Amino acid sequence: MCYNLRSLIDLVNIQVELSALPELTELRKSQVRAQLALERATESLSEKIVESMTGSNKMADIKSASDLIALAESMKIDSGQAKEKLSVIINAELESILLKYQKA
């Protein structure tokens, strides 16, 4: 009798979870949309702050450097000769940007 009662309770719990699934899915979609909007707003605000502090020329170099650094970081999971060649290119470009502003 206890085993049947436990099975019945489990079935009721599953039914409750399934009936709430559409609301939970909609809530999760809403959370993802809100998080995406916040990420975009943060990115836009960061770009405007950098531009106001550095001007548009330096901002392009900062963006280029950050893209190169992100690429270099992502390469940590890759391997082979291609990684070495890309690493040389990335380091050369970063060095070029650094030298450009050390002279200024």
PDB file of N, CA and C in Angstrom:
ATOM      1  N   MET A   1       0.822  -1.199   0.000  1.00  0.00           N
ATOM      2  CA  MET A   1       0.000   0.000   0.000  1.00  0.00           C
ATOM      3  C   MET A   1       0.864   1.259   0.000  1.00  0.00           C
ATOM      4  N   CYS A   2       1.926   1.257   0.797  1.00  0.00           N
ATOM      5  CA  CYS A   2       2.817   2.415   0.876  1.00  0.00           C
ATOM      6  C   CYS A   2       3.523   2.642  -0.458  1.00  0.00           C
ATOM      7  N   TYR A   3       3.891   1.539  -1.114  1.00  0.00           N
ATOM      8  CA  TYR A   3       4.562   1.647  -2.409  1.00  0.00           C
ATOM      9  C   TYR A   3       3.639   2.281  -3.441  1.00  0.00           C
ATOM     10  N   ASN A   4       2.376   1.888  -3.478  1.00  0.00           N
ATOM     11  CA  ASN A   4       1.413   2.456  -4.421  1.00  0.00           C
ATOM     12  C   ASN A   4       1.158   3.926  -4.138  1.00  0.00           C
ATOM     13  N   LEU A   5       1.126   4.289  -2.855  1.00  0.00           N
ATOM     14  CA  LEU A   5       0.911   5.684  -2.484  1.00  0.00           C
ATOM     15  C   LEU A   5       2.099   6.540  -2.939  1.00  0.00           C
ATOM     16  N   ARG A   6       3.304   6.015  -2.774  1.00  0.00           N
ATOM     17  CA  ARG A   6       4.497   6.748  -3.215  1.00  0.00           C
ATOM     18  C   ARG A   6       4.499   6.928  -4.728  1.00  0.00           C
ATOM     19  N   SER A   7       4.101   5.904  -5.467  1.00  0.00           N
ATOM     20  CA  SER A   7       4.006   5.997  -6.918  1.00  0.00           C
ATOM     21  C   SER A   7       2.974   7.037  -7.329  1.00  0.00           C
ATOM     22  N   LEU A   8       1.867   7.055  -6.624  1.00  0.00           N
ATOM     23  CA  LEU A   8       0.813   8.030  -6.916  1.00  0.00           C
ATOM     24  C   LEU A   8       1.313   9.458  -6.658  1.00  0.00           C
ATOM     25  N   ILE A   9       2.024   9.646  -5.559  1.00  0.00           N
ATOM     26  CA  ILE A   9       2.582  10.972  -5.245  1.00  0.00           C
ATOM     27  C   ILE A   9       3.590  11.385  -6.315  1.00  0.00           C
ATOM     28  N   ASP A  10       4.422  10.452  -6.761  1.00  0.00           N
ATOM     29  CA  ASP A  10       5.382  10.753  -7.828  1.00  0.00           C
ATOM     30  C   ASP A  10       4.684  11.152  -9.112  1.00  0.00           C
ATOM     31  N   LEU A  11       3.611  10.464  -9.455  1.00  0.00           N
ATOM     32  CA  LEU A  11       2.842  10.803 -10.660  1.00  0.00           C
ATOM     33  C   LEU A  11       2.221  12.192 -10.552  1.00  0.00           C
ATOM     34  N   VAL A  12       1.711  12.515  -9.374  1.00  0.00           N
ATOM     35  CA  VAL A  12       1.115  13.849  -9.170  1.00  0.00           C
ATOM     36  C   VAL A  12       2.197  14.919  -9.297  1.00  0.00           C
ATOM     37  N   ASN A  13       3.367  14.663  -8.713  1.00  0.00           N
ATOM     38  CA  ASN A  13       4.476  15.634  -8.813  1.00  0.00           C
ATOM     39  C   ASN A  13       4.906  15.842 -10.261  1.00  0.00           C
ATOM     40  N   ILE A  14       4.990  14.764 -11.021  1.00  0.00           N
ATOM     41  CA  ILE A  14       5.340  14.877 -12.440  1.00  0.00           C
ATOM     42  C   ILE A  14       4.291  15.682 -13.184  1.00  0.00           C
ATOM     43  N   GLN A  15       3.020  15.436 -12.894  1.00  0.00           N
ATOM     44  CA  GLN A  15       1.931  16.168 -13.559  1.00  0.00           C
ATOM     45  C   GLN A  15       2.005  17.661 -13.249  1.00  0.00           C
ATOM     46  N   VAL A  16       2.322  17.986 -11.997  1.00  0.00           N
ATOM     47  CA  VAL A  16       2.437  19.398 -11.606  1.00  0.00           C
ATOM     48  C   VAL A  16       3.610  20.045 -12.347  1.00  0.00           C
ATOM     49  N   GLU A  17       4.748  19.354 -12.419  1.00  0.00           N
ATOM     50  CA  GLU A  17       5.906  19.895 -13.124  1.00  0.00           C
ATOM     51  C   GLU A  17       5.607  20.100 -14.604  1.00  0.00           C
ATOM     52  N   LEU A  18       4.925  19.141 -15.209  1.00  0.00           N
ATOM     53  CA  LEU A  18       4.585  19.260 -16.631  1.00  0.00           C
ATOM     54  C   LEU A  18       3.596  20.389 -16.878  1.00  0.00           C
ATOM     55  N   SER A  19       2.669  20.570 -15.974  1.00  0.00           N
ATOM     56  CA  SER A  19       1.685  21.640 -16.175  1.00  0.00           C
ATOM     57  C   SER A  19       2.328  23.020 -16.012  1.00  0.00           C
ATOM     58  N   ALA A  20       3.390  23.114 -15.231  1.00  0.00           N
ATOM     59  CA  ALA A  20       4.072  24.398 -15.025  1.00  0.00           C
ATOM     60  C   ALA A  20       5.162  24.644 -16.064  1.00  0.00           C
ATOM     61  N   LEU A  21       5.459  23.661 -16.889  1.00  0.00           N
ATOM     62  CA  LEU A  21       6.548  23.773 -17.857  1.00  0.00           C
ATOM     63  C   LEU A  21       6.401  24.946 -18.828  1.00  0.00           C
ATOM     64  N   PRO A  22       5.228  25.203 -19.411  1.00  0.00           N
ATOM     65  CA  PRO A  22       5.123  26.361 -20.318  1.00  0.00           C
ATOM     66  C   PRO A  22       5.452  27.690 -19.631  1.00  0.00           C
ATOM     67  N   GLU A  23       4.993  27.864 -18.395  1.00  0.00           N
ATOM     68  CA  GLU A  23       5.292  29.100 -17.669  1.00  0.00           C
ATOM     69  C   GLU A  23       6.780  29.204 -17.354  1.00  0.00           C
ATOM     70  N   LEU A  24       7.374  28.082 -16.963  1.00  0.00           N
ATOM     71  CA  LEU A  24       8.804  28.085 -16.669  1.00  0.00           C
ATOM     72  C   LEU A  24       9.625  28.374 -17.929  1.00  0.00           C
ATOM     73  N   THR A  25       9.201  27.828 -19.049  1.00  0.00           N
ATOM     74  CA  THR A  25       9.886  28.077 -20.312  1.00  0.00           C
ATOM     75  C   THR A  25       9.788  29.546 -20.699  1.00  0.00           C
ATOM     76  N   GLU A  26       8.605  30.116 -20.564  1.00  0.00           N
ATOM     77  CA  GLU A  26       8.410  31.531 -20.886  1.00  0.00           C
ATOM     78  C   GLU A  26       9.226  32.421 -19.951  1.00  0.00           C
ATOM     79  N   LEU A  27       9.287  32.058 -18.689  1.00  0.00           N
ATOM     80  CA  LEU A  27      10.090  32.808 -17.726  1.00  0.00           C
ATOM     81  C   LEU A  27      11.562  32.762 -18.108  1.00  0.00           C
ATOM     82  N   ARG A  28      12.050  31.602 -18.492  1.00  0.00           N
ATOM     83  CA  ARG A  28      13.455  31.460 -18.888  1.00  0.00           C
ATOM     84  C   ARG A  28      13.746  32.275 -20.147  1.00  0.00           C
ATOM     85  N   LYS A  29      12.825  32.252 -21.109  1.00  0.00           N
ATOM     86  CA  LYS A  29      13.017  33.063 -22.326  1.00  0.00           C
ATOM     87  C   LYS A  29      13.098  34.538 -21.968  1.00  0.00           C
ATOM     88  N   SER A  30      12.242  34.965 -21.058  1.00  0.00           N
ATOM     89  CA  SER A  30      12.241  36.357 -20.621  1.00  0.00           C
ATOM     90  C   SER A  30      13.552  36.717 -19.931  1.00  0.00           C
ATOM     91  N   GLN A  31      14.061  35.814 -19.112  1.00  0.00           N
ATOM     92  CA  GLN A  31      15.335  36.052 -18.443  1.00  0.00           C
ATOM     93  C   GLN A  31      16.470  36.162 -19.451  1.00  0.00           C
ATOM     94  N   VAL A  32      16.466  35.310 -20.458  1.00  0.00           N
ATOM     95  CA  VAL A  32      17.513  35.341 -21.485  1.00  0.00           C
ATOM     96  C   VAL A  32      17.446  36.651 -22.270  1.00  0.00           C
ATOM     97  N   ARG A  33      16.231  37.090 -22.627  1.00  0.00           N
ATOM     98  CA  ARG A  33      16.080  38.366 -23.352  1.00  0.00           C
ATOM     99  C   ARG A  33      16.574  39.532 -22.502  1.00  0.00           C
ATOM    100  N   ALA A  34      16.241  39.521 -21.226  1.00  0.00           N
ATOM    101  CA  ALA A  34      16.678  40.595 -20.335  1.00  0.00           C
ATOM    102  C   ALA A  34      18.192  40.589 -20.178  1.00  0.00           C
ATOM    103  N   GLN A  35      18.774  39.412 -20.058  1.00  0.00           N
ATOM    104  CA  GLN A  35      20.228  39.309 -19.931  1.00  0.00           C
ATOM    105  C   GLN A  35      20.923  39.796 -21.205  1.00  0.00           C
ATOM    106  N   LEU A  36      20.372  39.445 -22.363  1.00  0.00           N
ATOM    107  CA  LEU A  36      20.942  39.899 -23.631  1.00  0.00           C
ATOM    108  C   LEU A  36      20.861  41.416 -23.749  1.00  0.00           C
ATOM    109  N   ALA A  37      19.722  41.980 -23.368  1.00  0.00           N
ATOM    110  CA  ALA A  37      19.568  43.437 -23.418  1.00  0.00           C
ATOM    111  C   ALA A  37      20.571  44.119 -22.497  1.00  0.00           C
ATOM    112  N   LEU A  38      20.769  43.557 -21.316  1.00  0.00           N
ATOM    113  CA  LEU A  38      21.741  44.116 -20.373  1.00  0.00           C
ATOM    114  C   LEU A  38      23.156  44.022 -20.922  1.00  0.00           C
ATOM    115  N   GLU A  39      23.499  42.892 -21.540  1.00  0.00           N
ATOM    116  CA  GLU A  39      24.830  42.727 -22.142  1.00  0.00           C
ATOM    117  C   GLU A  39      25.058  43.762 -23.243  1.00  0.00           C
ATOM    118  N   ARG A  40      24.052  43.944 -24.086  1.00  0.00           N
ATOM    119  CA  ARG A  40      24.191  44.927 -25.181  1.00  0.00           C
ATOM    120  C   ARG A  40      24.320  46.340 -24.645  1.00  0.00           C
ATOM    121  N   ALA A  41      23.530  46.665 -23.631  1.00  0.00           N
ATOM    122  CA  ALA A  41      23.600  48.002 -23.041  1.00  0.00           C
ATOM    123  C   ALA A  41      24.965  48.226 -22.395  1.00  0.00           C
ATOM    124  N   THR A  42      25.477  47.224 -21.711  1.00  0.00           N
ATOM    125  CA  THR A  42      26.797  47.329 -21.083  1.00  0.00           C
ATOM    126  C   THR A  42      27.879  47.520 -22.129  1.00  0.00           C
ATOM    127  N   GLU A  43      27.793  46.761 -23.212  1.00  0.00           N
ATOM    128  CA  GLU A  43      28.778  46.887 -24.287  1.00  0.00           C
ATOM    129  C   GLU A  43      28.736  48.281 -24.910  1.00  0.00           C
ATOM    130  N   SER A  44      27.531  48.757 -25.175  1.00  0.00           N
ATOM    131  CA  SER A  44      27.377  50.084 -25.777  1.00  0.00           C
ATOM    132  C   SER A  44      27.906  51.173 -24.847  1.00  0.00           C
ATOM    133  N   LEU A  45      27.571  51.063 -23.575  1.00  0.00           N
ATOM    134  CA  LEU A  45      28.033  52.047 -22.602  1.00  0.00           C
ATOM    135  C   LEU A  45      29.552  52.018 -22.473  1.00  0.00           C
ATOM    136  N   SER A  46      30.123  50.830 -22.456  1.00  0.00           N
ATOM    137  CA  SER A  46      31.587  50.700 -22.366  1.00  0.00           C
ATOM    138  C   SER A  46      32.261  51.342 -23.571  1.00  0.00           C
ATOM    139  N   GLU A  47      31.711  51.094 -24.754  1.00  0.00           N
ATOM    140  CA  GLU A  47      32.283  51.691 -25.967  1.00  0.00           C
ATOM    141  C   GLU A  47      32.217  53.212 -25.911  1.00  0.00           C
ATOM    142  N   LYS A  48      31.105  53.750 -25.436  1.00  0.00           N
ATOM    143  CA  LYS A  48      30.959  55.213 -25.362  1.00  0.00           C
ATOM    144  C   LYS A  48      31.908  55.813 -24.332  1.00  0.00           C
ATOM    145  N   ILE A  49      32.103  55.113 -23.219  1.00  0.00           N
ATOM    146  CA  ILE A  49      33.036  55.606 -22.206  1.00  0.00           C
ATOM    147  C   ILE A  49      34.459  55.611 -22.758  1.00  0.00           C
ATOM    148  N   VAL A  50      34.849  54.518 -23.411  1.00  0.00           N
ATOM    149  CA  VAL A  50      36.198  54.438 -23.988  1.00  0.00           C
ATOM    150  C   VAL A  50      36.379  55.513 -25.044  1.00  0.00           C
ATOM    151  N   GLU A  51      35.376  55.706 -25.885  1.00  0.00           N
ATOM    152  CA  GLU A  51      35.488  56.724 -26.940  1.00  0.00           C
ATOM    153  C   GLU A  51      35.596  58.116 -26.346  1.00  0.00           C
ATOM    154  N   SER A  52      34.823  58.397 -25.296  1.00  0.00           N
ATOM    155  CA  SER A  52      34.887  59.729 -24.697  1.00  0.00           C
ATOM    156  C   SER A  52      36.229  59.973 -24.011  1.00  0.00           C
ATOM    157  N   MET A  53      36.863  58.913 -23.525  1.00  0.00           N
ATOM    158  CA  MET A  53      38.136  59.070 -22.831  1.00  0.00           C
ATOM    159  C   MET A  53      39.337  59.053 -23.788  1.00  0.00           C
ATOM    160  N   THR A  54      39.193  58.399 -24.928  1.00  0.00           N
ATOM    161  CA  THR A  54      40.356  58.199 -25.789  1.00  0.00           C
ATOM    162  C   THR A  54      40.236  58.838 -27.160  1.00  0.00           C
ATOM    163  N   GLY A  55      39.036  59.124 -27.609  1.00  0.00           N
ATOM    164  CA  GLY A  55      38.857  59.595 -28.972  1.00  0.00           C
ATOM    165  C   GLY A  55      38.656  58.416 -29.904  1.00  0.00           C
ATOM    166  N   SER A  56      38.202  58.692 -31.116  1.00  0.00           N
ATOM    167  CA  SER A  56      37.834  57.605 -32.024  1.00  0.00           C
ATOM    168  C   SER A  56      39.031  56.833 -32.570  1.00  0.00           C
ATOM    169  N   ASN A  57      40.191  57.498 -32.788  1.00  0.00           N
ATOM    170  CA  ASN A  57      41.360  56.783 -33.316  1.00  0.00           C
ATOM    171  C   ASN A  57      41.869  55.736 -32.338  1.00  0.00           C
ATOM    172  N   LYS A  58      42.032  56.148 -31.087  1.00  0.00           N
ATOM    173  CA  LYS A  58      42.519  55.207 -30.088  1.00  0.00           C
ATOM    174  C   LYS A  58      41.497  54.113 -29.828  1.00  0.00           C
ATOM    175  N   MET A  59      40.225  54.460 -29.925  1.00  0.00           N
ATOM    176  CA  MET A  59      39.187  53.456 -29.679  1.00  0.00           C
ATOM    177  C   MET A  59      39.298  52.305 -30.676  1.00  0.00           C
ATOM    178  N   ALA A  60      39.580  52.632 -31.937  1.00  0.00           N
ATOM    179  CA  ALA A  60      39.741  51.588 -32.955  1.00  0.00           C
ATOM    180  C   ALA A  60      40.922  50.682 -32.616  1.00  0.00           C
ATOM    181  N   ASP A  61      42.007  51.285 -32.136  1.00  0.00           N
ATOM    182  CA  ASP A  61      43.166  50.489 -31.750  1.00  0.00           C
ATOM    183  C   ASP A  61      42.869  49.639 -30.511  1.00  0.00           C
ATOM    184  N   ILE A  62      42.154  50.209 -29.562  1.00  0.00           N
ATOM    185  CA  ILE A  62      41.782  49.447 -28.359  1.00  0.00           C
ATOM    186  C   ILE A  62      40.903  48.275 -28.736  1.00  0.00           C
ATOM    187  N   LYS A  63      39.938  48.507 -29.623  1.00  0.00           N
ATOM    188  CA  LYS A  63      39.049  47.426 -30.067  1.00  0.00           C
ATOM    189  C   LYS A  63      39.849  46.345 -30.780  1.00  0.00           C
ATOM    190  N   SER A  64      40.762  46.772 -31.653  1.00  0.00           N
ATOM    191  CA  SER A  64      41.605  45.827 -32.377  1.00  0.00           C
ATOM    192  C   SER A  64      42.453  45.016 -31.404  1.00  0.00           C
ATOM    193  N   ALA A  65      43.043  45.680 -30.431  1.00  0.00           N
ATOM    194  CA  ALA A  65      43.873  44.979 -29.451  1.00  0.00           C
ATOM    195  C   ALA A  65      43.042  44.007 -28.627  1.00  0.00           C
ATOM    196  N   SER A  66      41.862  44.426 -28.210  1.00  0.00           N
ATOM    197  CA  SER A  66      41.030  43.519 -27.405  1.00  0.00           C
ATOM    198  C   SER A  66      40.566  42.322 -28.226  1.00  0.00           C
ATOM    199  N   ASP A  67      40.264  42.542 -29.514  1.00  0.00           N
ATOM    200  CA  ASP A  67      39.905  41.415 -30.385  1.00  0.00           C
ATOM    201  C   ASP A  67      41.077  40.443 -30.539  1.00  0.00           C
ATOM    202  N   LEU A  68      42.273  41.001 -30.701  1.00  0.00           N
ATOM    203  CA  LEU A  68      43.457  40.154 -30.840  1.00  0.00           C
ATOM    204  C   LEU A  68      43.740  39.368 -29.555  1.00  0.00           C
ATOM    205  N   ILE A  69      43.563  40.028 -28.419  1.00  0.00           N
ATOM    206  CA  ILE A  69      43.778  39.343 -27.141  1.00  0.00           C
ATOM    207  C   ILE A  69      42.745  38.239 -26.955  1.00  0.00           C
ATOM    208  N   ALA A  70      41.491  38.522 -27.321  1.00  0.00           N
ATOM    209  CA  ALA A  70      40.444  37.495 -27.221  1.00  0.00           C
ATOM    210  C   ALA A  70      40.766  36.316 -28.134  1.00  0.00           C
ATOM    211  N   LEU A  71      41.265  36.613 -29.324  1.00  0.00           N
ATOM    212  CA  LEU A  71      41.656  35.544 -30.249  1.00  0.00           C
ATOM    213  C   LEU A  71      42.800  34.720 -29.666  1.00  0.00           C
ATOM    214  N   ALA A  72      43.772  35.409 -29.093  1.00  0.00           N
ATOM    215  CA  ALA A  72      44.900  34.704 -28.484  1.00  0.00           C
ATOM    216  C   ALA A  72      44.426  33.815 -27.339  1.00  0.00           C
ATOM    217  N   GLU A  73      43.508  34.320 -26.534  1.00  0.00           N
ATOM    218  CA  GLU A  73      42.965  33.522 -25.430  1.00  0.00           C
ATOM    219  C   GLU A  73      42.213  32.309 -25.949  1.00  0.00           C
ATOM    220  N   SER A  74      41.441  32.486 -27.001  1.00  0.00           N
ATOM    221  CA  SER A  74      40.666  31.361 -27.527  1.00  0.00           C
ATOM    222  C   SER A  74      41.565  30.295 -28.139  1.00  0.00           C
ATOM    223  N   MET A  75      42.753  30.691 -28.555  1.00  0.00           N
ATOM    224  CA  MET A  75      43.681  29.734 -29.171  1.00  0.00           C
ATOM    225  C   MET A  75      44.291  28.787 -28.151  1.00  0.00           C
ATOM    226  N   LYS A  76      44.113  29.060 -26.889  1.00  0.00           N
ATOM    227  CA  LYS A  76      44.689  28.185 -25.867  1.00  0.00           C
ATOM    228  C   LYS A  76      44.150  26.766 -25.979  1.00  0.00           C
ATOM    229  N   ILE A  77      42.970  26.605 -26.578  1.00  0.00           N
ATOM    230  CA  ILE A  77      42.398  25.267 -26.712  1.00  0.00           C
ATOM    231  C   ILE A  77      42.783  24.607 -28.037  1.00  0.00           C
ATOM    232  N   ASP A  78      43.399  25.376 -28.955  1.00  0.00           N
ATOM    233  CA  ASP A  78      43.800  24.845 -30.251  1.00  0.00           C
ATOM    234  C   ASP A  78      45.231  24.318 -30.187  1.00  0.00           C
ATOM    235  N   SER A  79      45.650  23.677 -31.270  1.00  0.00           N
ATOM    236  CA  SER A  79      47.031  23.200 -31.298  1.00  0.00           C
ATOM    237  C   SER A  79      47.559  23.195 -32.721  1.00  0.00           C
ATOM    238  N   GLY A  80      48.868  22.971 -32.852  1.00  0.00           N
ATOM    239  CA  GLY A  80      49.470  22.799 -34.168  1.00  0.00           C
ATOM    240  C   GLY A  80      50.207  24.012 -34.676  1.00  0.00           C
ATOM    241  N   GLN A  81      50.670  23.906 -35.925  1.00  0.00           N
ATOM    242  CA  GLN A  81      51.438  24.959 -36.572  1.00  0.00           C
ATOM    243  C   GLN A  81      50.610  26.222 -36.788  1.00  0.00           C
ATOM    244  N   ALA A  82      49.338  26.068 -37.088  1.00  0.00           N
ATOM    245  CA  ALA A  82      48.483  27.235 -37.319  1.00  0.00           C
ATOM    246  C   ALA A  82      48.453  28.128 -36.086  1.00  0.00           C
ATOM    247  N   LYS A  83      48.445  27.510 -34.930  1.00  0.00           N
ATOM    248  CA  LYS A  83      48.443  28.276 -33.684  1.00  0.00           C
ATOM    249  C   LYS A  83      49.709  29.124 -33.571  1.00  0.00           C
ATOM    250  N   GLU A  84      50.837  28.558 -33.905  1.00  0.00           N
ATOM    251  CA  GLU A  84      52.097  29.291 -33.816  1.00  0.00           C
ATOM    252  C   GLU A  84      52.116  30.471 -34.782  1.00  0.00           C
ATOM    253  N   LYS A  85      51.663  30.249 -36.014  1.00  0.00           N
ATOM    254  CA  LYS A  85      51.661  31.325 -37.008  1.00  0.00           C
ATOM    255  C   LYS A  85      50.713  32.446 -36.597  1.00  0.00           C
ATOM    256  N   LEU A  86      49.521  32.093 -36.129  1.00  0.00           N
ATOM    257  CA  LEU A  86      48.577  33.114 -35.671  1.00  0.00           C
ATOM    258  C   LEU A  86      49.115  33.850 -34.451  1.00  0.00           C
ATOM    259  N   SER A  87      49.776  33.143 -33.599  1.00  0.00           N
ATOM    260  CA  SER A  87      50.364  33.750 -32.415  1.00  0.00           C
ATOM    261  C   SER A  87      51.387  34.813 -32.798  1.00  0.00           C
ATOM    262  N   VAL A  88      52.213  34.528 -33.783  1.00  0.00           N
ATOM    263  CA  VAL A  88      53.212  35.495 -34.256  1.00  0.00           C
ATOM    264  C   VAL A  88      52.522  36.733 -34.827  1.00  0.00           C
ATOM    265  N   ILE A  89      51.469  36.526 -35.620  1.00  0.00           N
ATOM    266  CA  ILE A  89      50.736  37.648 -36.226  1.00  0.00           C
ATOM    267  C   ILE A  89      50.088  38.506 -35.142  1.00  0.00           C
ATOM    268  N   ILE A  90      49.443  37.854 -34.188  1.00  0.00           N
ATOM    269  CA  ILE A  90      48.767  38.585 -33.108  1.00  0.00           C
ATOM    270  C   ILE A  90      49.775  39.382 -32.292  1.00  0.00           C
ATOM    271  N   ASN A  91      50.871  38.764 -31.916  1.00  0.00           N
ATOM    272  CA  ASN A  91      51.890  39.461 -31.124  1.00  0.00           C
ATOM    273  C   ASN A  91      52.487  40.629 -31.889  1.00  0.00           C
ATOM    274  N   ALA A  92      52.715  40.481 -33.180  1.00  0.00           N
ATOM    275  CA  ALA A  92      53.259  41.567 -33.990  1.00  0.00           C
ATOM    276  C   ALA A  92      52.287  42.744 -34.048  1.00  0.00           C
ATOM    277  N   GLU A  93      51.012  42.452 -34.218  1.00  0.00           N
ATOM    278  CA  GLU A  93      50.011  43.526 -34.274  1.00  0.00           C
ATOM    279  C   GLU A  93      49.882  44.232 -32.930  1.00  0.00           C
ATOM    280  N   LEU A  94      49.886  43.465 -31.850  1.00  0.00           N
ATOM    281  CA  LEU A  94      49.827  44.078 -30.516  1.00  0.00           C
ATOM    282  C   LEU A  94      51.065  44.926 -30.250  1.00  0.00           C
ATOM    283  N   GLU A  95      52.213  44.458 -30.657  1.00  0.00           N
ATOM    284  CA  GLU A  95      53.451  45.217 -30.495  1.00  0.00           C
ATOM    285  C   GLU A  95      53.396  46.514 -31.295  1.00  0.00           C
ATOM    286  N   SER A  96      52.830  46.437 -32.498  1.00  0.00           N
ATOM    287  CA  SER A  96      52.690  47.624 -33.338  1.00  0.00           C
ATOM    288  C   SER A  96      51.803  48.671 -32.659  1.00  0.00           C
ATOM    289  N   ILE A  97      50.707  48.223 -32.101  1.00  0.00           N
ATOM    290  CA  ILE A  97      49.806  49.148 -31.396  1.00  0.00           C
ATOM    291  C   ILE A  97      50.509  49.748 -30.182  1.00  0.00           C
ATOM    292  N   LEU A  98      51.214  48.929 -29.437  1.00  0.00           N
ATOM    293  CA  LEU A  98      51.934  49.406 -28.251  1.00  0.00           C
ATOM    294  C   LEU A  98      52.997  50.434 -28.624  1.00  0.00           C
ATOM    295  N   LEU A  99      53.782  50.154 -29.651  1.00  0.00           N
ATOM    296  CA  LEU A  99      54.833  51.093 -30.071  1.00  0.00           C
ATOM    297  C   LEU A  99      54.232  52.412 -30.552  1.00  0.00           C
ATOM    298  N   LYS A 100      53.089  52.338 -31.192  1.00  0.00           N
ATOM    299  CA  LYS A 100      52.415  53.539 -31.706  1.00  0.00           C
ATOM    300  C   LYS A 100      52.121  54.518 -30.578  1.00  0.00           C
ATOM    301  N   TYR A 101      51.731  53.994 -29.408  1.00  0.00           N
ATOM    302  CA  TYR A 101      51.352  54.880 -28.308  1.00  0.00           C
ATOM    303  C   TYR A 101      52.487  55.138 -27.321  1.00  0.00           C
ATOM    304  N   GLN A 102      53.558  54.370 -27.397  1.00  0.00           N
ATOM    305  CA  GLN A 102      54.714  54.661 -26.569  1.00  0.00           C
ATOM    306  C   GLN A 102      55.451  55.868 -27.104  1.00  0.00           C
ATOM    307  N   LYS A 103      55.412  56.075 -28.412  1.00  0.00           N
ATOM    308  CA  LYS A 103      56.075  57.222 -29.036  1.00  0.00           C
ATOM    309  C   LYS A 103      55.312  58.514 -28.783  1.00  0.00           C
ATOM    310  N   ALA A 104      53.992  58.396 -28.600  1.00  0.00           N
ATOM    311  CA  ALA A 104      53.152  59.593 -28.464  1.00  0.00           C
ATOM    312  C   ALA A 104      53.314  60.291 -27.147  1.00  0.00           C
TER     313      ALA A 104
END
